[in-house]
N, C-alpha and C. Protein backbone atom coordinates (compact mmCIF):
# COMPACT_ATOMS: atom_id res chain seq x y z
N MET A 1 -11.37 25.44 -34.07
CA MET A 1 -10.56 25.38 -32.86
C MET A 1 -10.18 26.78 -32.39
N LYS A 2 -9.78 27.65 -33.34
CA LYS A 2 -9.43 29.02 -32.98
C LYS A 2 -10.62 29.75 -32.38
N THR A 3 -11.82 29.49 -32.93
CA THR A 3 -13.03 30.14 -32.42
C THR A 3 -13.31 29.71 -30.99
N ILE A 4 -13.13 28.42 -30.70
CA ILE A 4 -13.37 27.91 -29.35
C ILE A 4 -12.39 28.52 -28.37
N ILE A 5 -11.08 28.56 -28.75
CA ILE A 5 -10.06 29.14 -27.86
C ILE A 5 -10.36 30.61 -27.60
N LYS A 6 -10.77 31.33 -28.66
CA LYS A 6 -11.09 32.75 -28.50
C LYS A 6 -12.27 32.94 -27.55
N SER A 7 -13.29 32.08 -27.68
CA SER A 7 -14.47 32.15 -26.80
C SER A 7 -14.09 31.89 -25.35
N ILE A 8 -13.22 30.90 -25.14
CA ILE A 8 -12.78 30.58 -23.78
C ILE A 8 -12.02 31.76 -23.18
N LEU A 9 -11.17 32.41 -23.97
CA LEU A 9 -10.42 33.57 -23.48
C LEU A 9 -11.36 34.72 -23.10
N ILE A 10 -12.37 34.97 -23.93
CA ILE A 10 -13.33 36.04 -23.65
C ILE A 10 -14.09 35.74 -22.36
N LEU A 11 -14.54 34.48 -22.22
CA LEU A 11 -15.26 34.10 -21.01
C LEU A 11 -14.37 34.19 -19.79
N SER A 12 -13.09 33.84 -19.91
CA SER A 12 -12.16 33.93 -18.79
C SER A 12 -11.99 35.37 -18.34
N ILE A 13 -11.92 36.29 -19.30
CA ILE A 13 -11.80 37.71 -18.97
C ILE A 13 -13.05 38.20 -18.25
N CYS A 14 -14.22 37.76 -18.73
CA CYS A 14 -15.48 38.15 -18.08
C CYS A 14 -15.54 37.61 -16.65
N LEU A 15 -15.14 36.35 -16.47
CA LEU A 15 -15.15 35.76 -15.13
C LEU A 15 -14.18 36.49 -14.21
N TRP A 16 -13.02 36.90 -14.75
CA TRP A 16 -12.04 37.64 -13.96
C TRP A 16 -12.62 38.98 -13.53
N GLY A 17 -13.38 39.63 -14.44
CA GLY A 17 -14.00 40.90 -14.10
C GLY A 17 -15.05 40.74 -13.02
N PHE A 18 -15.90 39.71 -13.15
CA PHE A 18 -16.89 39.45 -12.11
C PHE A 18 -16.23 39.13 -10.78
N GLN A 19 -15.11 38.40 -10.84
CA GLN A 19 -14.43 38.02 -9.62
C GLN A 19 -13.92 39.24 -8.88
N ASN A 20 -13.37 40.20 -9.62
CA ASN A 20 -12.87 41.41 -8.98
C ASN A 20 -14.01 42.25 -8.40
N THR A 21 -15.17 42.21 -9.05
CA THR A 21 -16.30 43.02 -8.62
C THR A 21 -17.01 42.40 -7.42
N HIS A 22 -17.10 41.07 -7.40
CA HIS A 22 -17.88 40.38 -6.38
C HIS A 22 -17.02 39.39 -5.60
N ALA A 23 -15.73 39.72 -5.40
CA ALA A 23 -14.80 38.77 -4.80
C ALA A 23 -15.29 38.27 -3.45
N GLN A 24 -15.88 39.17 -2.65
CA GLN A 24 -16.29 38.78 -1.30
C GLN A 24 -17.50 37.86 -1.30
N ASP A 25 -18.22 37.76 -2.44
CA ASP A 25 -19.45 36.97 -2.49
C ASP A 25 -19.29 35.64 -3.23
N ILE A 26 -18.10 35.34 -3.73
CA ILE A 26 -17.90 34.11 -4.49
C ILE A 26 -18.03 32.90 -3.58
N ARG A 27 -18.78 31.91 -4.05
CA ARG A 27 -18.94 30.65 -3.32
C ARG A 27 -18.30 29.54 -4.15
N PHE A 28 -17.62 28.63 -3.48
CA PHE A 28 -16.97 27.51 -4.16
C PHE A 28 -17.63 26.20 -3.75
N GLY A 29 -17.49 25.20 -4.59
CA GLY A 29 -18.08 23.92 -4.26
C GLY A 29 -17.52 22.80 -5.12
N ALA A 30 -18.02 21.61 -4.89
CA ALA A 30 -17.61 20.43 -5.65
C ALA A 30 -18.83 19.58 -5.94
N LYS A 31 -18.81 18.91 -7.09
CA LYS A 31 -19.91 18.05 -7.50
C LYS A 31 -19.38 16.78 -8.15
N ALA A 32 -20.15 15.72 -8.03
CA ALA A 32 -19.83 14.46 -8.71
C ALA A 32 -21.14 13.71 -8.94
N GLY A 33 -21.09 12.78 -9.89
CA GLY A 33 -22.31 12.03 -10.15
C GLY A 33 -22.20 11.14 -11.35
N ALA A 34 -23.35 10.73 -11.86
CA ALA A 34 -23.42 9.77 -12.96
C ALA A 34 -23.67 10.46 -14.29
N ASP A 35 -23.02 9.95 -15.34
CA ASP A 35 -23.26 10.36 -16.72
C ASP A 35 -24.02 9.25 -17.44
N PHE A 36 -25.14 9.60 -18.05
CA PHE A 36 -25.89 8.68 -18.90
C PHE A 36 -25.75 9.19 -20.33
N SER A 37 -24.83 8.63 -21.08
CA SER A 37 -24.45 9.22 -22.36
C SER A 37 -24.75 8.29 -23.53
N ASN A 38 -24.79 8.92 -24.71
CA ASN A 38 -24.95 8.18 -25.96
C ASN A 38 -24.53 9.10 -27.10
N TRP A 39 -24.41 8.52 -28.28
CA TRP A 39 -24.18 9.30 -29.49
C TRP A 39 -25.50 9.45 -30.24
N HIS A 40 -25.74 10.66 -30.72
CA HIS A 40 -26.93 10.91 -31.54
C HIS A 40 -26.50 11.60 -32.82
N GLY A 41 -27.30 11.46 -33.85
CA GLY A 41 -27.00 12.11 -35.11
C GLY A 41 -27.48 11.29 -36.29
N LYS A 42 -27.53 11.93 -37.43
CA LYS A 42 -28.07 11.32 -38.65
C LYS A 42 -27.36 10.02 -39.01
N ASP A 43 -26.04 9.97 -38.84
CA ASP A 43 -25.28 8.82 -39.31
C ASP A 43 -25.21 7.67 -38.31
N VAL A 44 -25.77 7.85 -37.10
CA VAL A 44 -25.75 6.75 -36.11
C VAL A 44 -27.15 6.41 -35.61
N LYS A 45 -28.17 7.01 -36.19
CA LYS A 45 -29.53 6.81 -35.69
C LYS A 45 -30.00 5.37 -35.85
N ASP A 46 -29.44 4.63 -36.83
CA ASP A 46 -29.84 3.25 -37.05
C ASP A 46 -28.81 2.25 -36.51
N ALA A 47 -27.87 2.73 -35.70
CA ALA A 47 -26.77 1.87 -35.24
C ALA A 47 -27.11 1.06 -34.00
N ASP A 48 -28.28 1.28 -33.40
CA ASP A 48 -28.71 0.55 -32.22
C ASP A 48 -27.70 0.68 -31.08
N LEU A 49 -27.34 1.93 -30.75
CA LEU A 49 -26.40 2.20 -29.67
C LEU A 49 -27.15 2.30 -28.34
N ASN A 50 -26.51 1.84 -27.28
CA ASN A 50 -27.13 1.86 -25.96
C ASN A 50 -26.47 2.89 -25.05
N THR A 51 -27.21 3.30 -24.03
CA THR A 51 -26.72 4.28 -23.07
C THR A 51 -25.50 3.75 -22.31
N HIS A 52 -24.50 4.61 -22.19
CA HIS A 52 -23.25 4.27 -21.49
C HIS A 52 -23.25 5.03 -20.16
N ILE A 53 -23.18 4.30 -19.05
CA ILE A 53 -23.23 4.93 -17.72
C ILE A 53 -21.82 5.03 -17.15
N ARG A 54 -21.36 6.25 -16.94
CA ARG A 54 -20.03 6.48 -16.37
C ARG A 54 -20.14 7.55 -15.27
N PHE A 55 -19.16 8.43 -15.13
CA PHE A 55 -19.19 9.38 -14.02
C PHE A 55 -18.61 10.74 -14.43
N HIS A 56 -18.86 11.73 -13.60
CA HIS A 56 -18.21 13.04 -13.71
C HIS A 56 -17.88 13.53 -12.30
N ALA A 57 -16.88 14.40 -12.20
CA ALA A 57 -16.49 14.97 -10.91
C ALA A 57 -15.69 16.23 -11.15
N GLY A 58 -15.86 17.21 -10.27
CA GLY A 58 -15.10 18.44 -10.42
C GLY A 58 -15.48 19.49 -9.39
N ALA A 59 -15.01 20.70 -9.62
CA ALA A 59 -15.23 21.81 -8.70
C ALA A 59 -15.76 23.01 -9.46
N PHE A 60 -16.46 23.90 -8.75
CA PHE A 60 -17.07 25.05 -9.40
C PHE A 60 -16.97 26.30 -8.52
N ALA A 61 -17.20 27.44 -9.16
CA ALA A 61 -17.31 28.73 -8.46
C ALA A 61 -18.62 29.38 -8.87
N GLU A 62 -19.29 30.00 -7.91
CA GLU A 62 -20.58 30.65 -8.16
C GLU A 62 -20.46 32.13 -7.79
N ILE A 63 -20.76 32.99 -8.77
CA ILE A 63 -20.58 34.43 -8.59
C ILE A 63 -21.92 35.14 -8.75
N PRO A 64 -22.38 35.90 -7.75
CA PRO A 64 -23.64 36.64 -7.89
C PRO A 64 -23.47 37.82 -8.85
N VAL A 65 -24.44 38.00 -9.74
CA VAL A 65 -24.37 39.11 -10.70
C VAL A 65 -25.57 40.05 -10.59
N ALA A 66 -26.68 39.56 -10.06
CA ALA A 66 -27.89 40.40 -9.89
C ALA A 66 -28.81 39.65 -8.94
N LYS A 67 -29.90 40.28 -8.56
CA LYS A 67 -30.85 39.64 -7.66
C LYS A 67 -31.37 38.34 -8.28
N ALA A 68 -31.18 37.24 -7.57
CA ALA A 68 -31.62 35.90 -7.98
C ALA A 68 -30.79 35.31 -9.11
N TRP A 69 -29.82 36.07 -9.64
CA TRP A 69 -29.00 35.58 -10.75
C TRP A 69 -27.57 35.34 -10.30
N ASN A 70 -27.01 34.20 -10.72
CA ASN A 70 -25.61 33.87 -10.45
C ASN A 70 -24.96 33.36 -11.72
N LEU A 71 -23.65 33.52 -11.79
CA LEU A 71 -22.86 32.94 -12.87
C LEU A 71 -22.05 31.79 -12.27
N GLU A 72 -22.21 30.60 -12.82
CA GLU A 72 -21.49 29.44 -12.30
C GLU A 72 -20.60 28.84 -13.38
N SER A 73 -19.36 28.57 -13.01
CA SER A 73 -18.44 27.91 -13.93
C SER A 73 -17.55 26.98 -13.13
N GLY A 74 -16.99 25.98 -13.81
CA GLY A 74 -16.13 25.03 -13.12
C GLY A 74 -15.39 24.15 -14.10
N LEU A 75 -14.64 23.21 -13.57
CA LEU A 75 -13.92 22.23 -14.38
C LEU A 75 -14.30 20.84 -13.89
N TYR A 76 -14.65 19.97 -14.84
CA TYR A 76 -15.10 18.62 -14.50
C TYR A 76 -14.46 17.59 -15.41
N ILE A 77 -14.05 16.48 -14.83
CA ILE A 77 -13.71 15.31 -15.62
C ILE A 77 -15.01 14.56 -15.89
N SER A 78 -15.29 14.30 -17.17
CA SER A 78 -16.57 13.69 -17.53
C SER A 78 -16.35 12.60 -18.57
N GLN A 79 -16.91 11.42 -18.31
CA GLN A 79 -16.78 10.31 -19.24
C GLN A 79 -18.08 10.12 -20.03
N LYS A 80 -17.93 10.05 -21.35
CA LYS A 80 -19.07 9.96 -22.25
C LYS A 80 -18.85 8.83 -23.25
N GLY A 81 -19.88 8.49 -24.02
CA GLY A 81 -19.71 7.46 -25.03
C GLY A 81 -20.97 6.66 -25.29
N PHE A 82 -20.80 5.39 -25.61
CA PHE A 82 -21.94 4.52 -25.92
C PHE A 82 -21.55 3.06 -25.69
N GLU A 83 -22.55 2.20 -25.70
CA GLU A 83 -22.35 0.76 -25.68
C GLU A 83 -23.16 0.15 -26.82
N ALA A 84 -22.67 -0.95 -27.33
CA ALA A 84 -23.38 -1.60 -28.43
C ALA A 84 -23.15 -3.11 -28.38
N ASN A 85 -24.19 -3.82 -28.71
CA ASN A 85 -24.12 -5.28 -28.84
C ASN A 85 -24.76 -5.63 -30.17
N GLN A 86 -23.95 -6.12 -31.09
CA GLN A 86 -24.46 -6.36 -32.43
C GLN A 86 -24.05 -7.73 -32.93
N GLU A 87 -24.82 -8.23 -33.88
CA GLU A 87 -24.50 -9.49 -34.53
C GLU A 87 -24.07 -9.19 -35.95
N ILE A 88 -22.84 -9.58 -36.26
CA ILE A 88 -22.28 -9.33 -37.59
C ILE A 88 -21.96 -10.67 -38.25
N LEU A 89 -22.66 -10.98 -39.34
CA LEU A 89 -22.47 -12.24 -40.07
C LEU A 89 -22.59 -13.45 -39.14
N GLY A 90 -23.53 -13.33 -38.19
CA GLY A 90 -23.76 -14.45 -37.28
C GLY A 90 -22.87 -14.48 -36.06
N PHE A 91 -21.94 -13.51 -35.94
CA PHE A 91 -21.04 -13.44 -34.80
C PHE A 91 -21.44 -12.30 -33.88
N ASN A 92 -21.35 -12.53 -32.55
CA ASN A 92 -21.67 -11.48 -31.57
C ASN A 92 -20.48 -10.55 -31.39
N PHE A 93 -20.77 -9.24 -31.35
CA PHE A 93 -19.73 -8.22 -31.23
C PHE A 93 -20.18 -7.20 -30.20
N ASP A 94 -19.46 -7.13 -29.07
CA ASP A 94 -19.75 -6.16 -28.01
C ASP A 94 -18.68 -5.08 -28.01
N VAL A 95 -19.11 -3.82 -27.98
CA VAL A 95 -18.15 -2.73 -27.99
C VAL A 95 -18.64 -1.60 -27.07
N THR A 96 -17.71 -0.99 -26.39
CA THR A 96 -18.00 0.16 -25.53
C THR A 96 -17.01 1.27 -25.86
N ASN A 97 -17.51 2.47 -26.08
CA ASN A 97 -16.63 3.62 -26.33
C ASN A 97 -16.71 4.56 -25.13
N THR A 98 -15.57 4.80 -24.47
CA THR A 98 -15.51 5.72 -23.34
C THR A 98 -14.56 6.86 -23.66
N SER A 99 -15.12 8.05 -23.81
CA SER A 99 -14.33 9.26 -24.08
C SER A 99 -14.28 10.10 -22.81
N THR A 100 -13.08 10.39 -22.35
CA THR A 100 -12.91 11.21 -21.14
C THR A 100 -12.61 12.64 -21.53
N TYR A 101 -13.47 13.55 -21.09
CA TYR A 101 -13.35 14.96 -21.44
C TYR A 101 -13.08 15.80 -20.19
N LEU A 102 -12.47 16.96 -20.41
CA LEU A 102 -12.41 18.01 -19.42
C LEU A 102 -13.46 19.04 -19.83
N ASP A 103 -14.52 19.17 -19.02
CA ASP A 103 -15.64 20.05 -19.34
C ASP A 103 -15.53 21.38 -18.60
N LEU A 104 -15.79 22.47 -19.33
CA LEU A 104 -15.83 23.82 -18.74
C LEU A 104 -17.18 24.45 -19.07
N PRO A 105 -18.18 24.28 -18.22
CA PRO A 105 -19.48 24.95 -18.44
C PRO A 105 -19.44 26.38 -17.92
N VAL A 106 -20.18 27.25 -18.57
CA VAL A 106 -20.36 28.64 -18.10
C VAL A 106 -21.87 28.89 -18.09
N LEU A 107 -22.45 28.90 -16.88
CA LEU A 107 -23.91 28.82 -16.76
C LEU A 107 -24.51 30.05 -16.11
N ALA A 108 -25.58 30.55 -16.70
CA ALA A 108 -26.42 31.56 -16.06
C ALA A 108 -27.42 30.81 -15.18
N LYS A 109 -27.44 31.13 -13.89
CA LYS A 109 -28.22 30.36 -12.91
C LYS A 109 -29.24 31.29 -12.25
N TYR A 110 -30.51 30.90 -12.34
CA TYR A 110 -31.58 31.74 -11.80
C TYR A 110 -32.28 31.03 -10.65
N GLY A 111 -32.38 31.71 -9.52
CA GLY A 111 -33.05 31.15 -8.36
C GLY A 111 -34.55 31.35 -8.43
N MET A 112 -35.28 30.27 -8.73
CA MET A 112 -36.74 30.35 -8.78
C MET A 112 -37.31 30.58 -7.38
N THR A 113 -36.69 29.95 -6.39
CA THR A 113 -37.02 30.16 -4.98
C THR A 113 -35.70 30.26 -4.23
N LYS A 114 -35.74 30.28 -2.93
CA LYS A 114 -34.52 30.36 -2.13
C LYS A 114 -33.63 29.15 -2.39
N ASN A 115 -34.22 27.99 -2.64
CA ASN A 115 -33.43 26.77 -2.77
C ASN A 115 -33.42 26.15 -4.17
N PHE A 116 -34.48 26.39 -4.95
CA PHE A 116 -34.60 25.76 -6.27
C PHE A 116 -34.09 26.70 -7.35
N ASN A 117 -33.29 26.17 -8.30
CA ASN A 117 -32.72 27.00 -9.36
C ASN A 117 -32.76 26.26 -10.70
N VAL A 118 -32.70 27.04 -11.76
CA VAL A 118 -32.55 26.52 -13.11
C VAL A 118 -31.33 27.19 -13.73
N PHE A 119 -30.71 26.51 -14.72
CA PHE A 119 -29.50 27.08 -15.31
C PHE A 119 -29.38 26.70 -16.78
N LEU A 120 -28.63 27.53 -17.50
CA LEU A 120 -28.48 27.36 -18.95
C LEU A 120 -27.19 28.05 -19.38
N GLY A 121 -26.50 27.44 -20.34
CA GLY A 121 -25.30 28.08 -20.86
C GLY A 121 -24.48 27.17 -21.75
N PRO A 122 -23.37 27.69 -22.28
CA PRO A 122 -22.49 26.89 -23.14
C PRO A 122 -21.53 26.04 -22.32
N GLN A 123 -20.99 25.02 -22.98
CA GLN A 123 -19.97 24.19 -22.35
C GLN A 123 -18.86 23.90 -23.35
N PHE A 124 -17.64 24.14 -22.93
CA PHE A 124 -16.46 23.87 -23.75
C PHE A 124 -15.78 22.61 -23.22
N SER A 125 -15.45 21.68 -24.12
CA SER A 125 -14.89 20.40 -23.69
C SER A 125 -13.63 20.07 -24.48
N TYR A 126 -12.69 19.43 -23.77
CA TYR A 126 -11.44 19.00 -24.40
C TYR A 126 -11.28 17.50 -24.17
N LEU A 127 -11.06 16.77 -25.24
CA LEU A 127 -10.93 15.31 -25.16
C LEU A 127 -9.56 14.93 -24.62
N LEU A 128 -9.54 14.23 -23.47
CA LEU A 128 -8.29 13.82 -22.83
C LEU A 128 -7.84 12.45 -23.32
N ASN A 129 -8.76 11.51 -23.40
CA ASN A 129 -8.41 10.18 -23.92
C ASN A 129 -9.67 9.44 -24.36
N ASN A 130 -9.44 8.36 -25.07
CA ASN A 130 -10.56 7.56 -25.57
C ASN A 130 -10.18 6.08 -25.53
N LYS A 131 -11.08 5.26 -24.98
CA LYS A 131 -10.84 3.82 -24.90
C LYS A 131 -12.03 3.08 -25.50
N VAL A 132 -11.73 2.05 -26.28
CA VAL A 132 -12.78 1.25 -26.90
C VAL A 132 -12.50 -0.23 -26.61
N PRO A 133 -12.91 -0.71 -25.43
CA PRO A 133 -12.81 -2.16 -25.19
C PRO A 133 -13.89 -2.90 -25.98
N TYR A 134 -13.54 -4.03 -26.54
CA TYR A 134 -14.52 -4.79 -27.32
C TYR A 134 -14.29 -6.29 -27.12
N GLU A 135 -15.34 -7.03 -27.41
CA GLU A 135 -15.28 -8.49 -27.31
C GLU A 135 -15.92 -9.09 -28.55
N PHE A 136 -15.18 -9.96 -29.20
CA PHE A 136 -15.67 -10.62 -30.42
C PHE A 136 -15.52 -12.12 -30.25
N GLU A 137 -16.68 -12.80 -30.08
CA GLU A 137 -16.71 -14.25 -29.91
C GLU A 137 -15.77 -14.71 -28.79
N GLY A 138 -15.84 -13.99 -27.64
CA GLY A 138 -15.06 -14.37 -26.47
C GLY A 138 -13.67 -13.78 -26.41
N GLU A 139 -13.17 -13.22 -27.49
CA GLU A 139 -11.85 -12.60 -27.52
C GLU A 139 -11.98 -11.12 -27.16
N LYS A 140 -11.20 -10.69 -26.13
CA LYS A 140 -11.29 -9.31 -25.66
C LYS A 140 -10.03 -8.52 -26.02
N ASP A 141 -10.23 -7.23 -26.32
CA ASP A 141 -9.11 -6.34 -26.61
C ASP A 141 -9.57 -4.91 -26.37
N THR A 142 -8.65 -3.95 -26.39
CA THR A 142 -8.98 -2.54 -26.18
C THR A 142 -8.18 -1.66 -27.12
N ASP A 143 -8.89 -0.80 -27.84
CA ASP A 143 -8.24 0.23 -28.65
C ASP A 143 -8.15 1.51 -27.83
N LYS A 144 -6.98 2.17 -27.86
CA LYS A 144 -6.80 3.39 -27.10
C LYS A 144 -6.30 4.50 -28.02
N GLY A 145 -6.59 5.75 -27.62
CA GLY A 145 -6.11 6.89 -28.38
C GLY A 145 -7.24 7.77 -28.89
N VAL A 146 -6.90 8.99 -29.25
CA VAL A 146 -7.90 9.97 -29.68
C VAL A 146 -7.84 10.21 -31.19
N SER A 147 -7.06 9.42 -31.90
CA SER A 147 -6.97 9.56 -33.35
C SER A 147 -8.35 9.39 -33.98
N GLY A 148 -8.70 10.32 -34.84
CA GLY A 148 -9.99 10.28 -35.52
C GLY A 148 -11.07 11.07 -34.84
N PHE A 149 -10.80 11.51 -33.58
CA PHE A 149 -11.78 12.31 -32.84
C PHE A 149 -11.32 13.77 -32.76
N LYS A 150 -12.27 14.69 -32.81
CA LYS A 150 -11.95 16.09 -32.59
C LYS A 150 -11.60 16.31 -31.12
N LYS A 151 -10.54 17.08 -30.89
CA LYS A 151 -10.10 17.32 -29.51
C LYS A 151 -11.07 18.24 -28.78
N PHE A 152 -11.69 19.18 -29.48
CA PHE A 152 -12.57 20.15 -28.85
C PHE A 152 -14.04 19.86 -29.19
N ASP A 153 -14.88 20.07 -28.19
CA ASP A 153 -16.32 19.94 -28.39
C ASP A 153 -17.00 21.15 -27.77
N LEU A 154 -18.10 21.54 -28.35
CA LEU A 154 -18.90 22.65 -27.84
C LEU A 154 -20.32 22.16 -27.66
N GLY A 155 -20.92 22.47 -26.52
CA GLY A 155 -22.27 22.03 -26.26
C GLY A 155 -23.10 23.08 -25.56
N ALA A 156 -24.39 22.79 -25.43
CA ALA A 156 -25.31 23.62 -24.66
C ALA A 156 -25.78 22.80 -23.46
N VAL A 157 -25.84 23.45 -22.31
CA VAL A 157 -26.23 22.77 -21.07
C VAL A 157 -27.47 23.45 -20.49
N GLY A 158 -28.43 22.65 -20.07
CA GLY A 158 -29.61 23.16 -19.40
C GLY A 158 -30.02 22.20 -18.30
N GLY A 159 -30.48 22.75 -17.18
CA GLY A 159 -30.87 21.86 -16.10
C GLY A 159 -31.47 22.58 -14.92
N MET A 160 -31.59 21.85 -13.80
CA MET A 160 -32.17 22.40 -12.59
C MET A 160 -31.45 21.83 -11.38
N GLY A 161 -31.55 22.55 -10.27
CA GLY A 161 -30.88 22.09 -9.07
C GLY A 161 -31.60 22.51 -7.81
N TYR A 162 -31.20 21.89 -6.71
CA TYR A 162 -31.77 22.25 -5.40
C TYR A 162 -30.61 22.40 -4.42
N GLN A 163 -30.55 23.58 -3.79
CA GLN A 163 -29.52 23.90 -2.83
C GLN A 163 -30.09 23.82 -1.41
N PHE A 164 -29.61 22.86 -0.63
CA PHE A 164 -30.07 22.74 0.75
C PHE A 164 -29.39 23.80 1.62
N ASN A 165 -30.03 24.14 2.72
CA ASN A 165 -29.51 25.18 3.60
C ASN A 165 -28.20 24.80 4.26
N ASN A 166 -27.93 23.49 4.37
CA ASN A 166 -26.69 23.04 5.02
C ASN A 166 -25.51 22.94 4.07
N GLY A 167 -25.69 23.39 2.80
CA GLY A 167 -24.60 23.37 1.83
C GLY A 167 -24.68 22.24 0.82
N LEU A 168 -25.38 21.17 1.15
CA LEU A 168 -25.54 20.07 0.20
C LEU A 168 -26.38 20.51 -1.00
N LEU A 169 -26.14 19.91 -2.14
CA LEU A 169 -26.89 20.26 -3.34
C LEU A 169 -27.08 19.04 -4.22
N VAL A 170 -28.12 19.07 -5.03
CA VAL A 170 -28.35 18.06 -6.06
C VAL A 170 -28.75 18.79 -7.34
N SER A 171 -28.44 18.18 -8.48
CA SER A 171 -28.80 18.80 -9.75
C SER A 171 -28.94 17.75 -10.84
N ALA A 172 -29.64 18.12 -11.89
CA ALA A 172 -29.79 17.27 -13.07
C ALA A 172 -29.72 18.17 -14.30
N ASN A 173 -28.97 17.75 -15.30
CA ASN A 173 -28.88 18.58 -16.50
C ASN A 173 -28.66 17.72 -17.74
N TYR A 174 -28.88 18.35 -18.88
CA TYR A 174 -28.72 17.69 -20.17
C TYR A 174 -27.66 18.43 -20.96
N ASP A 175 -26.65 17.69 -21.44
CA ASP A 175 -25.60 18.26 -22.27
C ASP A 175 -25.90 17.91 -23.73
N PHE A 176 -26.02 18.93 -24.55
CA PHE A 176 -26.39 18.77 -25.96
C PHE A 176 -25.18 19.16 -26.81
N GLY A 177 -24.44 18.15 -27.30
CA GLY A 177 -23.26 18.42 -28.12
C GLY A 177 -23.62 19.06 -29.44
N LEU A 178 -22.87 20.09 -29.83
CA LEU A 178 -23.16 20.84 -31.05
C LEU A 178 -22.18 20.58 -32.18
N LEU A 179 -21.02 20.01 -31.86
CA LEU A 179 -20.01 19.76 -32.88
C LEU A 179 -19.88 18.27 -33.16
N LYS A 180 -19.70 17.93 -34.43
CA LYS A 180 -19.46 16.54 -34.79
C LYS A 180 -18.15 16.06 -34.17
N MET A 181 -18.16 14.85 -33.61
CA MET A 181 -16.97 14.33 -32.94
C MET A 181 -15.93 13.79 -33.90
N ASP A 182 -16.37 13.34 -35.06
CA ASP A 182 -15.47 12.71 -36.02
C ASP A 182 -14.58 13.75 -36.70
N ASP A 183 -13.28 13.44 -36.78
CA ASP A 183 -12.32 14.38 -37.37
C ASP A 183 -11.76 13.86 -38.69
N VAL A 184 -12.33 12.77 -39.19
CA VAL A 184 -11.78 12.16 -40.40
C VAL A 184 -12.83 12.05 -41.51
N THR A 185 -13.94 11.37 -41.22
CA THR A 185 -14.93 11.08 -42.27
C THR A 185 -16.14 11.99 -42.23
N ASN A 186 -16.15 12.96 -41.32
CA ASN A 186 -17.25 13.91 -41.20
C ASN A 186 -18.57 13.23 -40.83
N THR A 187 -18.47 12.13 -40.07
CA THR A 187 -19.67 11.42 -39.62
C THR A 187 -20.49 12.31 -38.70
N LYS A 188 -21.79 12.37 -38.94
CA LYS A 188 -22.67 13.21 -38.13
C LYS A 188 -23.07 12.45 -36.86
N ALA A 189 -22.23 12.58 -35.82
CA ALA A 189 -22.47 11.96 -34.52
C ALA A 189 -22.08 12.97 -33.45
N TYR A 190 -22.95 13.13 -32.45
CA TYR A 190 -22.78 14.16 -31.44
C TYR A 190 -22.95 13.57 -30.04
N ASN A 191 -22.25 14.15 -29.08
CA ASN A 191 -22.40 13.73 -27.68
C ASN A 191 -23.74 14.21 -27.13
N ARG A 192 -24.42 13.33 -26.41
CA ARG A 192 -25.62 13.68 -25.65
C ARG A 192 -25.48 13.02 -24.27
N VAL A 193 -25.64 13.82 -23.22
CA VAL A 193 -25.40 13.30 -21.87
C VAL A 193 -26.44 13.85 -20.89
N ILE A 194 -27.01 12.95 -20.09
CA ILE A 194 -27.81 13.34 -18.92
C ILE A 194 -26.92 13.17 -17.70
N LYS A 195 -26.80 14.23 -16.90
CA LYS A 195 -25.95 14.19 -15.70
C LYS A 195 -26.81 14.35 -14.45
N ILE A 196 -26.61 13.45 -13.51
CA ILE A 196 -27.24 13.53 -12.20
C ILE A 196 -26.12 13.74 -11.18
N SER A 197 -26.19 14.83 -10.42
CA SER A 197 -25.07 15.22 -9.56
C SER A 197 -25.50 15.45 -8.12
N ALA A 198 -24.54 15.25 -7.23
CA ALA A 198 -24.68 15.65 -5.84
C ALA A 198 -23.39 16.33 -5.42
N GLY A 199 -23.48 17.28 -4.51
CA GLY A 199 -22.27 18.00 -4.15
C GLY A 199 -22.43 18.83 -2.90
N TYR A 200 -21.49 19.74 -2.73
CA TYR A 200 -21.50 20.62 -1.55
C TYR A 200 -20.97 21.99 -1.95
N ARG A 201 -21.68 23.03 -1.53
CA ARG A 201 -21.24 24.40 -1.75
C ARG A 201 -20.78 24.98 -0.41
N PHE A 202 -19.54 25.46 -0.38
CA PHE A 202 -18.96 25.97 0.86
C PHE A 202 -19.46 27.38 1.18
């Protein structure tokens, strides 16, 4: 946790420095879209988990640093998790895990052409809440709370985007979680998310 906080502080200082240097060139925007998420890892590979479709939304700033290169960072609310339908001792059990995170990506963005770009970088995430609605033989209930989950997550983000001349944009990226989510039993399970986004850059 201390390492993550220290990294965020260092990145914030770097962004502040870029902002002072290129203040007149900073572009702001907003994005939203669909999250296609699941858990991956050694301890859940045989669990038959299904993709959980939720959403993300937030705002970003884009700072030019060199020819064709930009630094992009922002804050996004992003919902991740999994769905599962299993039979236990002859009984049907449906469960959905929805974890809501605050994501802070810091991306190096390269313009392959005037409109098409690719990007790569780290992402720092903070778990805001977690809900697990489930149904067992027609009986429904919901577990809430973040107990047992690590509050902080670190991931790598890679993707591509297209910036239209009128300000509209679309992008697709893959979030690769690097830290185990479990804070109790050390279960090897990690967030994996495909994000499809649309937005506008002012």
